[in-house]
C-alpha atoms as a PDB file:
ATOM      1  CA  UNK A   1     116.864  87.510  72.125  1.00  0.00           C
ATOM      2  CA  UNK A   2     113.804  86.995  74.311  1.00  0.00           C
ATOM      3  CA  UNK A   3     113.573  84.001  76.643  1.00  0.00           C
ATOM      4  CA  UNK A   4     110.607  82.333  78.333  1.00  0.00           C
ATOM      5  CA  UNK A   5     110.616  79.649  80.989  1.00  0.00           C
ATOM      6  CA  UNK A   6     108.504  76.661  79.935  1.00  0.00           C
ATOM      7  CA  UNK A   7     107.539  73.741  82.192  1.00  0.00           C
ATOM      8  CA  UNK A   8     107.745  70.523  80.201  1.00  0.00           C
ATOM      9  CA  UNK A   9     107.975  66.847  81.117  1.00  0.00           C
ATOM     10  CA  UNK A  10     106.378  66.861  84.589  1.00  0.00           C
ATOM     11  CA  UNK A  11     108.020  69.598  86.687  1.00  0.00           C
ATOM     12  CA  UNK A  12     111.081  70.167  84.543  1.00  0.00           C
ATOM     13  CA  UNK A  13     111.550  73.787  83.429  1.00  0.00           C
ATOM     14  CA  UNK A  14     113.667  74.994  80.543  1.00  0.00           C
ATOM     15  CA  UNK A  15     114.356  78.334  78.872  1.00  0.00           C
ATOM     16  CA  UNK A  16     113.570  78.829  75.189  1.00  0.00           C
ATOM     17  CA  UNK A  17     114.087  81.532  72.580  1.00  0.00           C
ATOM     18  CA  UNK A  18     110.655  83.143  72.114  1.00  0.00           C
ATOM     19  CA  UNK A  19     111.567  85.690  69.423  1.00  0.00           C
ATOM     20  CA  UNK A  20     108.531  86.344  67.223  1.00  0.00           C
ATOM     21  CA  UNK A  21     105.940  85.429  69.860  1.00  0.00           C
ATOM     22  CA  UNK A  22     104.060  87.503  72.441  1.00  0.00           C
ATOM     23  CA  UNK A  23     103.617  85.039  75.296  1.00  0.00           C
ATOM     24  CA  UNK A  24     102.155  85.280  78.791  1.00  0.00           C
ATOM     25  CA  UNK A  25     102.330  83.030  81.841  1.00  0.00           C
ATOM     26  CA  UNK A  26      99.921  80.125  81.389  1.00  0.00           C
ATOM     27  CA  UNK A  27     100.182  79.940  77.581  1.00  0.00           C
ATOM     28  CA  UNK A  28     100.756  76.496  76.069  1.00  0.00           C
ATOM     29  CA  UNK A  29     103.560  76.368  73.505  1.00  0.00           C
ATOM     30  CA  UNK A  30     105.323  73.758  71.372  1.00  0.00           C
ATOM     31  CA  UNK A  31     109.112  73.884  71.691  1.00  0.00           C
ATOM     32  CA  UNK A  32     112.160  72.119  70.292  1.00  0.00           C
ATOM     33  CA  UNK A  33     113.277  69.077  72.275  1.00  0.00           C
ATOM     34  CA  UNK A  34     116.181  66.645  72.095  1.00  0.00           C
ATOM     35  CA  UNK A  35     113.945  63.922  70.668  1.00  0.00           C
ATOM     36  CA  UNK A  36     111.685  66.070  68.493  1.00  0.00           C
ATOM     37  CA  UNK A  37     109.015  68.414  69.836  1.00  0.00           C
ATOM     38  CA  UNK A  38     107.559  69.031  73.270  1.00  0.00           C
ATOM     39  CA  UNK A  39     104.616  70.936  74.677  1.00  0.00           C
ATOM     40  CA  UNK A  40     104.607  72.888  77.898  1.00  0.00           C
ATOM     41  CA  UNK A  41     103.227  75.770  79.881  1.00  0.00           C
ATOM     42  CA  UNK A  42     104.914  79.161  80.074  1.00  0.00           C
ATOM     43  CA  UNK A  43     105.828  79.725  83.739  1.00  0.00           C
ATOM     44  CA  UNK A  44     108.336  82.588  83.373  1.00  0.00           C
ATOM     45  CA  UNK A  45     107.345  85.557  81.230  1.00  0.00           C
ATOM     46  CA  UNK A  46     109.464  86.948  78.402  1.00  0.00           C
ATOM     47  CA  UNK A  47     112.569  88.915  79.245  1.00  0.00           C
ATOM     48  CA  UNK A  48     115.045  90.614  76.912  1.00  0.00           C
ATOM     49  CA  UNK A  49     118.603  89.534  77.571  1.00  0.00           C
ATOM     50  CA  UNK A  50     121.815  90.411  75.769  1.00  0.00           C
ATOM     51  CA  UNK A  51     123.601  87.294  74.519  1.00  0.00           C
ATOM     52  CA  UNK A  52     126.450  86.657  72.142  1.00  0.00           C
ATOM     53  CA  UNK A  53     125.760  84.579  69.027  1.00  0.00           C
ATOM     54  CA  UNK A  54     127.495  81.625  70.692  1.00  0.00           C
ATOM     55  CA  UNK A  55     125.240  81.904  73.763  1.00  0.00           C
ATOM     56  CA  UNK A  56     122.091  82.196  71.663  1.00  0.00           C
ATOM     57  CA  UNK A  57     122.825  78.866  69.981  1.00  0.00           C
ATOM     58  CA  UNK A  58     122.502  77.120  73.360  1.00  0.00           C
ATOM     59  CA  UNK A  59     118.789  77.872  73.611  1.00  0.00           C
ATOM     60  CA  UNK A  60     116.217  75.892  71.668  1.00  0.00           C
ATOM     61  CA  UNK A  61     113.244  77.736  70.152  1.00  0.00           C
ATOM     62  CA  UNK A  62     109.548  78.167  70.766  1.00  0.00           C
ATOM     63  CA  UNK A  63     108.070  76.869  67.491  1.00  0.00           C
ATOM     64  CA  UNK A  64     104.409  77.801  67.869  1.00  0.00           C
ATOM     65  CA  UNK A  65     101.588  78.503  70.248  1.00  0.00           C
ATOM     66  CA  UNK A  66      99.848  75.179  70.903  1.00  0.00           C
ATOM     67  CA  UNK A  67      96.960  74.447  68.524  1.00  0.00           C
ATOM     68  CA  UNK A  68      93.849  72.411  69.341  1.00  0.00           C
ATOM     69  CA  UNK A  69      95.555  69.115  68.432  1.00  0.00           C
ATOM     70  CA  UNK A  70      98.551  69.938  70.646  1.00  0.00           C
ATOM     71  CA  UNK A  71      96.216  70.838  73.502  1.00  0.00           C
ATOM     72  CA  UNK A  72      94.302  67.564  73.177  1.00  0.00           C
ATOM     73  CA  UNK A  73      97.504  65.515  73.417  1.00  0.00           C
ATOM     74  CA  UNK A  74      98.852  67.669  76.269  1.00  0.00           C
ATOM     75  CA  UNK A  75      95.659  67.382  78.322  1.00  0.00           C
ATOM     76  CA  UNK A  76      95.305  63.653  77.660  1.00  0.00           C
ATOM     77  CA  UNK A  77      98.926  63.081  78.674  1.00  0.00           C
ATOM     78  CA  UNK A  78      98.489  65.177  81.823  1.00  0.00           C
ATOM     79  CA  UNK A  79      95.179  63.643  82.913  1.00  0.00           C
ATOM     80  CA  UNK A  80      95.672  60.006  81.905  1.00  0.00           C
ATOM     81  CA  UNK A  81      99.385  59.505  82.413  1.00  0.00           C
ATOM     82  CA  UNK A  82      99.148  57.281  85.496  1.00  0.00           C
ATOM     83  CA  UNK A  83      96.289  55.306  83.984  1.00  0.00           C
ATOM     84  CA  UNK A  84      98.242  54.566  80.787  1.00  0.00           C
ATOM     85  CA  UNK A  85     101.374  53.568  82.720  1.00  0.00           C
ATOM     86  CA  UNK A  86      99.371  51.249  84.969  1.00  0.00           C
ATOM     87  CA  UNK A  87      97.729  49.540  81.980  1.00  0.00           C
ATOM     88  CA  UNK A  88     101.077  49.067  80.235  1.00  0.00           C
ATOM     89  CA  UNK A  89     102.526  47.474  83.387  1.00  0.00           C
ATOM     90  CA  UNK A  90      99.578  45.063  83.487  1.00  0.00           C
ATOM     91  CA  UNK A  91     100.226  43.951  79.904  1.00  0.00           C
ATOM     92  CA  UNK A  92     103.960  43.510  80.647  1.00  0.00           C
ATOM     93  CA  UNK A  93     103.094  41.261  83.612  1.00  0.00           C
ATOM     94  CA  UNK A  94     100.634  39.261  81.501  1.00  0.00           C
ATOM     95  CA  UNK A  95     103.408  38.503  79.014  1.00  0.00           C
ATOM     96  CA  UNK A  96     105.935  37.856  81.824  1.00  0.00           C
ATOM     97  CA  UNK A  97     108.494  40.171  80.257  1.00  0.00           C
ATOM     98  CA  UNK A  98     111.693  40.865  82.218  1.00  0.00           C
ATOM     99  CA  UNK A  99     111.596  44.663  81.934  1.00  0.00           C
ATOM    100  CA  UNK A 100     110.948  47.607  84.242  1.00  0.00           C
ATOM    101  CA  UNK A 101     108.649  50.334  82.939  1.00  0.00           C
ATOM    102  CA  UNK A 102     109.800  53.815  83.970  1.00  0.00           C
ATOM    103  CA  UNK A 103     107.976  56.540  82.141  1.00  0.00           C
ATOM    104  CA  UNK A 104     106.024  57.564  79.060  1.00  0.00           C
ATOM    105  CA  UNK A 105     105.918  60.527  76.731  1.00  0.00           C
ATOM    106  CA  UNK A 106     103.637  61.687  73.914  1.00  0.00           C
ATOM    107  CA  UNK A 107     105.528  63.121  70.939  1.00  0.00           C
ATOM    108  CA  UNK A 108     104.030  66.117  69.170  1.00  0.00           C
ATOM    109  CA  UNK A 109     105.781  65.718  65.840  1.00  0.00           C
ATOM    110  CA  UNK A 110     104.622  62.245  64.812  1.00  0.00           C
ATOM    111  CA  UNK A 111     101.795  61.660  67.351  1.00  0.00           C
ATOM    112  CA  UNK A 112     103.542  58.721  68.966  1.00  0.00           C
ATOM    113  CA  UNK A 113     103.471  57.231  72.472  1.00  0.00           C
ATOM    114  CA  UNK A 114     106.956  56.434  73.776  1.00  0.00           C
ATOM    115  CA  UNK A 115     107.481  54.131  76.772  1.00  0.00           C
ATOM    116  CA  UNK A 116     110.857  54.148  78.560  1.00  0.00           C
ATOM    117  CA  UNK A 117     112.124  50.994  80.273  1.00  0.00           C
ATOM    118  CA  UNK A 118     115.169  49.225  81.645  1.00  0.00           C
ATOM    119  CA  UNK A 119     115.979  45.538  81.247  1.00  0.00           C
ATOM    120  CA  UNK A 120     118.953  43.310  82.186  1.00  0.00           C
ATOM    121  CA  UNK A 121     118.865  41.610  78.774  1.00  0.00           C
ATOM    122  CA  UNK A 122     117.295  41.905  75.355  1.00  0.00           C
ATOM    123  CA  UNK A 123     113.491  41.741  75.410  1.00  0.00           C
ATOM    124  CA  UNK A 124     111.210  40.518  72.619  1.00  0.00           C
ATOM    125  CA  UNK A 125     108.382  43.036  72.954  1.00  0.00           C
ATOM    126  CA  UNK A 126     106.801  42.713  69.502  1.00  0.00           C
ATOM    127  CA  UNK A 127     103.531  41.347  70.875  1.00  0.00           C
ATOM    128  CA  UNK A 128     103.553  44.006  73.594  1.00  0.00           C
ATOM    129  CA  UNK A 129     103.804  46.778  70.978  1.00  0.00           C
ATOM    130  CA  UNK A 130     100.861  45.314  69.053  1.00  0.00           C
ATOM    131  CA  UNK A 131      98.658  45.210  72.141  1.00  0.00           C
ATOM    132  CA  UNK A 132      99.615  48.741  73.229  1.00  0.00           C
ATOM    133  CA  UNK A 133      98.893  50.105  69.750  1.00  0.00           C
ATOM    134  CA  UNK A 134      95.483  48.392  69.782  1.00  0.00           C
ATOM    135  CA  UNK A 135      94.763  49.630  73.307  1.00  0.00           C
ATOM    136  CA  UNK A 136      95.679  53.306  72.836  1.00  0.00           C
ATOM    137  CA  UNK A 137      95.128  53.745  69.063  1.00  0.00           C
ATOM    138  CA  UNK A 138      98.547  55.393  68.651  1.00  0.00           C
ATOM    139  CA  UNK A 139     101.921  54.494  67.211  1.00  0.00           C
ATOM    140  CA  UNK A 140     104.037  52.895  69.941  1.00  0.00           C
ATOM    141  CA  UNK A 141     107.763  52.998  70.620  1.00  0.00           C
ATOM    142  CA  UNK A 142     109.577  51.251  73.461  1.00  0.00           C
ATOM    143  CA  UNK A 143     112.904  52.869  74.286  1.00  0.00           C
ATOM    144  CA  UNK A 144     115.465  51.220  76.567  1.00  0.00           C
ATOM    145  CA  UNK A 145     117.439  53.630  78.759  1.00  0.00           C
ATOM    146  CA  UNK A 146     120.726  53.384  80.645  1.00  0.00           C
ATOM    147  CA  UNK A 147     121.275  53.483  84.404  1.00  0.00           C
ATOM    148  CA  UNK A 148     121.808  57.252  84.505  1.00  0.00           C
ATOM    149  CA  UNK A 149     118.586  57.914  82.624  1.00  0.00           C
ATOM    150  CA  UNK A 150     116.598  55.708  84.991  1.00  0.00           C
ATOM    151  CA  UNK A 151     117.056  58.276  87.761  1.00  0.00           C
ATOM    152  CA  UNK A 152     115.864  61.008  85.393  1.00  0.00           C
ATOM    153  CA  UNK A 153     112.574  59.217  84.771  1.00  0.00           C
ATOM    154  CA  UNK A 154     111.937  58.046  88.342  1.00  0.00           C
ATOM    155  CA  UNK A 155     113.026  61.207  90.172  1.00  0.00           C
ATOM    156  CA  UNK A 156     114.344  61.706  93.683  1.00  0.00           C
ATOM    157  CA  UNK A 157     116.468  63.809  96.043  1.00  0.00           C
ATOM    158  CA  UNK A 158     120.246  63.944  95.709  1.00  0.00           C
ATOM    159  CA  UNK A 159     122.951  63.968  98.395  1.00  0.00           C
ATOM    160  CA  UNK A 160     122.768  67.771  98.403  1.00  0.00           C
ATOM    161  CA  UNK A 161     119.139  67.656  99.577  1.00  0.00           C
ATOM    162  CA  UNK A 162     117.768  69.058  96.318  1.00  0.00           C
ATOM    163  CA  UNK A 163     115.844  67.465  93.461  1.00  0.00           C
ATOM    164  CA  UNK A 164     118.050  65.491  91.071  1.00  0.00           C
ATOM    165  CA  UNK A 165     119.645  67.675  88.387  1.00  0.00           C
ATOM    166  CA  UNK A 166     118.703  65.140  85.703  1.00  0.00           C
ATOM    167  CA  UNK A 167     115.041  65.539  86.687  1.00  0.00           C
ATOM    168  CA  UNK A 168     115.009  69.298  87.114  1.00  0.00           C
ATOM    169  CA  UNK A 169     117.053  70.659  84.227  1.00  0.00           C
ATOM    170  CA  UNK A 170     119.836  68.432  82.897  1.00  0.00           C
ATOM    171  CA  UNK A 171     119.281  66.884  79.436  1.00  0.00           C
ATOM    172  CA  UNK A 172     122.636  65.433  78.407  1.00  0.00           C
ATOM    173  CA  UNK A 173     124.569  62.738  80.240  1.00  0.00           C
ATOM    174  CA  UNK A 174     128.274  63.423  79.791  1.00  0.00           C
ATOM    175  CA  UNK A 175     131.103  61.101  80.790  1.00  0.00           C
ATOM    176  CA  UNK A 176     132.126  61.412  84.444  1.00  0.00           C
ATOM    177  CA  UNK A 177     135.485  59.924  85.501  1.00  0.00           C
ATOM    178  CA  UNK A 178     137.124  59.042  88.794  1.00  0.00           C
ATOM    179  CA  UNK A 179     139.892  61.549  87.902  1.00  0.00           C
ATOM    180  CA  UNK A 180     137.368  64.337  88.449  1.00  0.00           C
ATOM    181  CA  UNK A 181     136.780  63.041  91.990  1.00  0.00           C
ATOM    182  CA  UNK A 182     140.516  63.123  92.746  1.00  0.00           C
ATOM    183  CA  UNK A 183     140.907  66.585  91.215  1.00  0.00           C
ATOM    184  CA  UNK A 184     138.168  67.954  93.478  1.00  0.00           C
ATOM    185  CA  UNK A 185     139.803  66.438  96.565  1.00  0.00           C
ATOM    186  CA  UNK A 186     136.728  64.379  97.428  1.00  0.00           C
ATOM    187  CA  UNK A 187     136.937  61.197  99.499  1.00  0.00           C
ATOM    188  CA  UNK A 188     136.601  58.034  97.410  1.00  0.00           C
ATOM    189  CA  UNK A 189     133.599  57.000  99.478  1.00  0.00           C
ATOM    190  CA  UNK A 190     131.169  55.334  97.090  1.00  0.00           C
ATOM    191  CA  UNK A 191     128.093  56.628  98.905  1.00  0.00           C
ATOM    192  CA  UNK A 192     129.339  60.233  98.739  1.00  0.00           C
ATOM    193  CA  UNK A 193     130.330  60.326  95.078  1.00  0.00           C
ATOM    194  CA  UNK A 194     127.502  58.258  93.591  1.00  0.00           C
ATOM    195  CA  UNK A 195     124.025  59.415  92.609  1.00  0.00           C
ATOM    196  CA  UNK A 196     120.796  57.483  93.084  1.00  0.00           C
ATOM    197  CA  UNK A 197     121.486  55.746  89.762  1.00  0.00           C
ATOM    198  CA  UNK A 198     124.617  54.174  91.279  1.00  0.00           C
ATOM    199  CA  UNK A 199     126.926  56.041  88.868  1.00  0.00           C
ATOM    200  CA  UNK A 200     129.280  58.935  89.597  1.00  0.00           C
ATOM    201  CA  UNK A 201     127.321  62.140  90.256  1.00  0.00           C
ATOM    202  CA  UNK A 202     126.752  64.381  87.231  1.00  0.00           C
ATOM    203  CA  UNK A 203     127.727  67.492  89.218  1.00  0.00           C
ATOM    204  CA  UNK A 204     131.320  66.212  89.282  1.00  0.00           C
ATOM    205  CA  UNK A 205     131.424  66.885  85.552  1.00  0.00           C
ATOM    206  CA  UNK A 206     130.017  70.394  85.377  1.00  0.00           C
ATOM    207  CA  UNK A 207     132.151  71.518  88.330  1.00  0.00           C
ATOM    208  CA  UNK A 208     135.296  70.016  86.788  1.00  0.00           C
ATOM    209  CA  UNK A 209     136.305  73.087  84.759  1.00  0.00           C
ATOM    210  CA  UNK A 210     136.072  75.319  87.822  1.00  0.00           C
ATOM    211  CA  UNK A 211     138.260  72.983  89.902  1.00  0.00           C
ATOM    212  CA  UNK A 212     140.774  72.729  87.043  1.00  0.00           C
ATOM    213  CA  UNK A 213     141.130  76.514  87.097  1.00  0.00           C
ATOM    214  CA  UNK A 214     141.242  76.797  90.896  1.00  0.00           C
ATOM    215  CA  UNK A 215     143.873  74.057  91.164  1.00  0.00           C
ATOM    216  CA  UNK A 216     146.422  76.039  89.129  1.00  0.00           C
ATOM    217  CA  UNK A 217     149.423  76.907  91.296  1.00  0.00           C
ATOM    218  CA  UNK A 218     148.440  74.488  94.079  1.00  0.00           C
ATOM    219  CA  UNK A 219     150.393  71.332  95.044  1.00  0.00           C
ATOM    220  CA  UNK A 220     148.973  67.944  96.030  1.00  0.00           C
ATOM    221  CA  UNK A 221     148.987  66.351  99.457  1.00  0.00           C
ATOM    222  CA  UNK A 222     152.487  65.059 100.211  1.00  0.00           C
ATOM    223  CA  UNK A 223     154.297  67.469  97.896  1.00  0.00           C
ATOM    224  CA  UNK A 224     157.247  69.517  99.122  1.00  0.00           C
ATOM    225  CA  UNK A 225     156.927  73.254  98.647  1.00  0.00           C
ATOM    226  CA  UNK A 226     159.116  76.246  99.332  1.00  0.00           C
ATOM    227  CA  UNK A 227     157.336  78.968 101.306  1.00  0.00           C
ATOM    228  CA  UNK A 228     159.110  82.134 102.415  1.00  0.00           C
ATOM    229  CA  UNK A 229     162.448  80.499 101.619  1.00  0.00           C
ATOM    230  CA  UNK A 230     161.821  77.344 103.698  1.00  0.00           C
ATOM    231  CA  UNK A 231     160.807  73.835 102.615  1.00  0.00           C
ATOM    232  CA  UNK A 232     157.518  72.462 103.917  1.00  0.00           C
ATOM    233  CA  UNK A 233     155.546  69.237 103.481  1.00  0.00           C
ATOM    234  CA  UNK A 234     151.964  69.689 102.328  1.00  0.00           C
ATOM    235  CA  UNK A 235     149.431  67.944 104.562  1.00  0.00           C
ATOM    236  CA  UNK A 236     146.150  69.186 103.046  1.00  0.00           C
ATOM    237  CA  UNK A 237     144.885  71.425 100.247  1.00  0.00           C
ATOM    238  CA  UNK A 238     141.809  73.663 100.278  1.00  0.00           C
ATOM    239  CA  UNK A 239     141.057  74.141  96.596  1.00  0.00           C
ATOM    240  CA  UNK A 240     138.150  76.546  96.990  1.00  0.00           C
ATOM    241  CA  UNK A 241     140.062  78.873  99.321  1.00  0.00           C
ATOM    242  CA  UNK A 242     143.327  78.484  97.414  1.00  0.00           C
ATOM    243  CA  UNK A 243     145.297  77.573 100.545  1.00  0.00           C
ATOM    244  CA  UNK A 244     147.402  74.706 101.879  1.00  0.00           C
ATOM    245  CA  UNK A 245     148.277  73.392 105.312  1.00  0.00           C
ATOM    246  CA  UNK A 246     151.938  72.463 105.521  1.00  0.00           C
ATOM    247  CA  UNK A 247     154.556  71.607 108.144  1.00  0.00           C
ATOM    248  CA  UNK A 248     158.071  73.058 107.879  1.00  0.00           C
ATOM    249  CA  UNK A 249     160.728  70.401 107.201  1.00  0.00           C
ATOM    250  CA  UNK A 250     163.353  69.910 109.890  1.00  0.00           C
ATOM    251  CA  UNK A 251     165.403  67.254 108.095  1.00  0.00           C
ATOM    252  CA  UNK A 252     165.215  65.251 104.877  1.00  0.00           C
ATOM    253  CA  UNK A 253     167.232  62.112 104.146  1.00  0.00           C
ATOM    254  CA  UNK A 254     166.929  58.534 102.874  1.00  0.00           C
ATOM    255  CA  UNK A 255     165.122  57.494 106.053  1.00  0.00           C
ATOM    256  CA  UNK A 256     162.348  59.978 105.421  1.00  0.00           C
ATOM    257  CA  UNK A 257     161.243  63.494 106.185  1.00  0.00           C
ATOM    258  CA  UNK A 258     160.990  65.002 109.641  1.00  0.00           C
ATOM    259  CA  UNK A 259     158.731  68.002 110.078  1.00  0.00           C
ATOM    260  CA  UNK A 260     157.724  70.384 112.786  1.00  0.00           C
ATOM    261  CA  UNK A 261     154.499  69.281 114.552  1.00  0.00           C
ATOM    262  CA  UNK A 262     152.756  72.591 113.885  1.00  0.00           C
ATOM    263  CA  UNK A 263     150.775  73.030 110.663  1.00  0.00           C
ATOM    264  CA  UNK A 264     150.622  76.471 109.093  1.00  0.00           C
ATOM    265  CA  UNK A 265     148.251  77.829 106.448  1.00  0.00           C
ATOM    266  CA  UNK A 266     149.727  79.352 103.285  1.00  0.00           C
ATOM    267  CA  UNK A 267     148.162  81.023 100.238  1.00  0.00           C
ATOM    268  CA  UNK A 268     149.134  79.988  96.726  1.00  0.00           C
ATOM    269  CA  UNK A 269     151.041  83.284  96.426  1.00  0.00           C
ATOM    270  CA  UNK A 270     153.314  82.150  99.289  1.00  0.00           C
ATOM    271  CA  UNK A 271     154.554  79.150  97.274  1.00  0.00           C
ATOM    272  CA  UNK A 272     157.731  79.896  95.322  1.00  0.00           C
ATOM    273  CA  UNK A 273     158.376  76.338  94.094  1.00  0.00           C
ATOM    274  CA  UNK A 274     157.101  72.801  94.592  1.00  0.00           C
ATOM    275  CA  UNK A 275     158.116  69.221  93.886  1.00  0.00           C
ATOM    276  CA  UNK A 276     156.809  65.714  94.393  1.00  0.00           C
ATOM    277  CA  UNK A 277     157.885  64.140  97.664  1.00  0.00           C
ATOM    278  CA  UNK A 278     160.036  61.004  97.315  1.00  0.00           C
ATOM    279  CA  UNK A 279     158.067  59.537 100.194  1.00  0.00           C
ATOM    280  CA  UNK A 280     154.868  59.575  98.071  1.00  0.00           C
END
């Protein structure tokens, strides 16, 4: 399979199966997209990579080299994008509609102009659609998006200091749960675990499988473990390094657990058994 990197939808780059095409950097191509077809510029030249059949299915295909009609839509979208958005916002204000316009996209399959928006309640935009269709001489669709998708359309910088994943490469918004935060030993500080959209960060989901694997054989904070034949109370866990900090137990009774003041670091291989502490 041969892959090319194609820049579509502003600065977002994706990799597509280019089998059957001889493409160079700068070529315009039409590719498969989640909502139909998309057009973009080749920014990474073809490279032959060895993939399994399962891996190959993950990559969408280059369908054709852009024709004159595709080029006209691409260039119009690129050169008049801000102008079209500004005009749509003016019409929304004229009709006093309670909606926030985020983005637009030209579809290459059915020659349609799609506007993305958010709204706190249902909006009657029938008159708006009529005016937009008259203004731009195209079929019009208004598509309401959820909180997570708002960040994708607006853009921004995440807590990590890099461009938002949903803007740069991520297409699907999978469920992210608070259990993933606990599993990764992250503080339940709302500002640290939330993205710009106000929801739990997407990276918690695609790092979850790795943390599930790394957590095997490790206790939780407060558990009692046996290391080198002695019981110890776990005070902290370093999942990435596969180590724990624990204090050896001096005494254990109904009144509680007394430990030595010194904390020692142990590898997962040092742990012979573990149990939940009754004091938890």
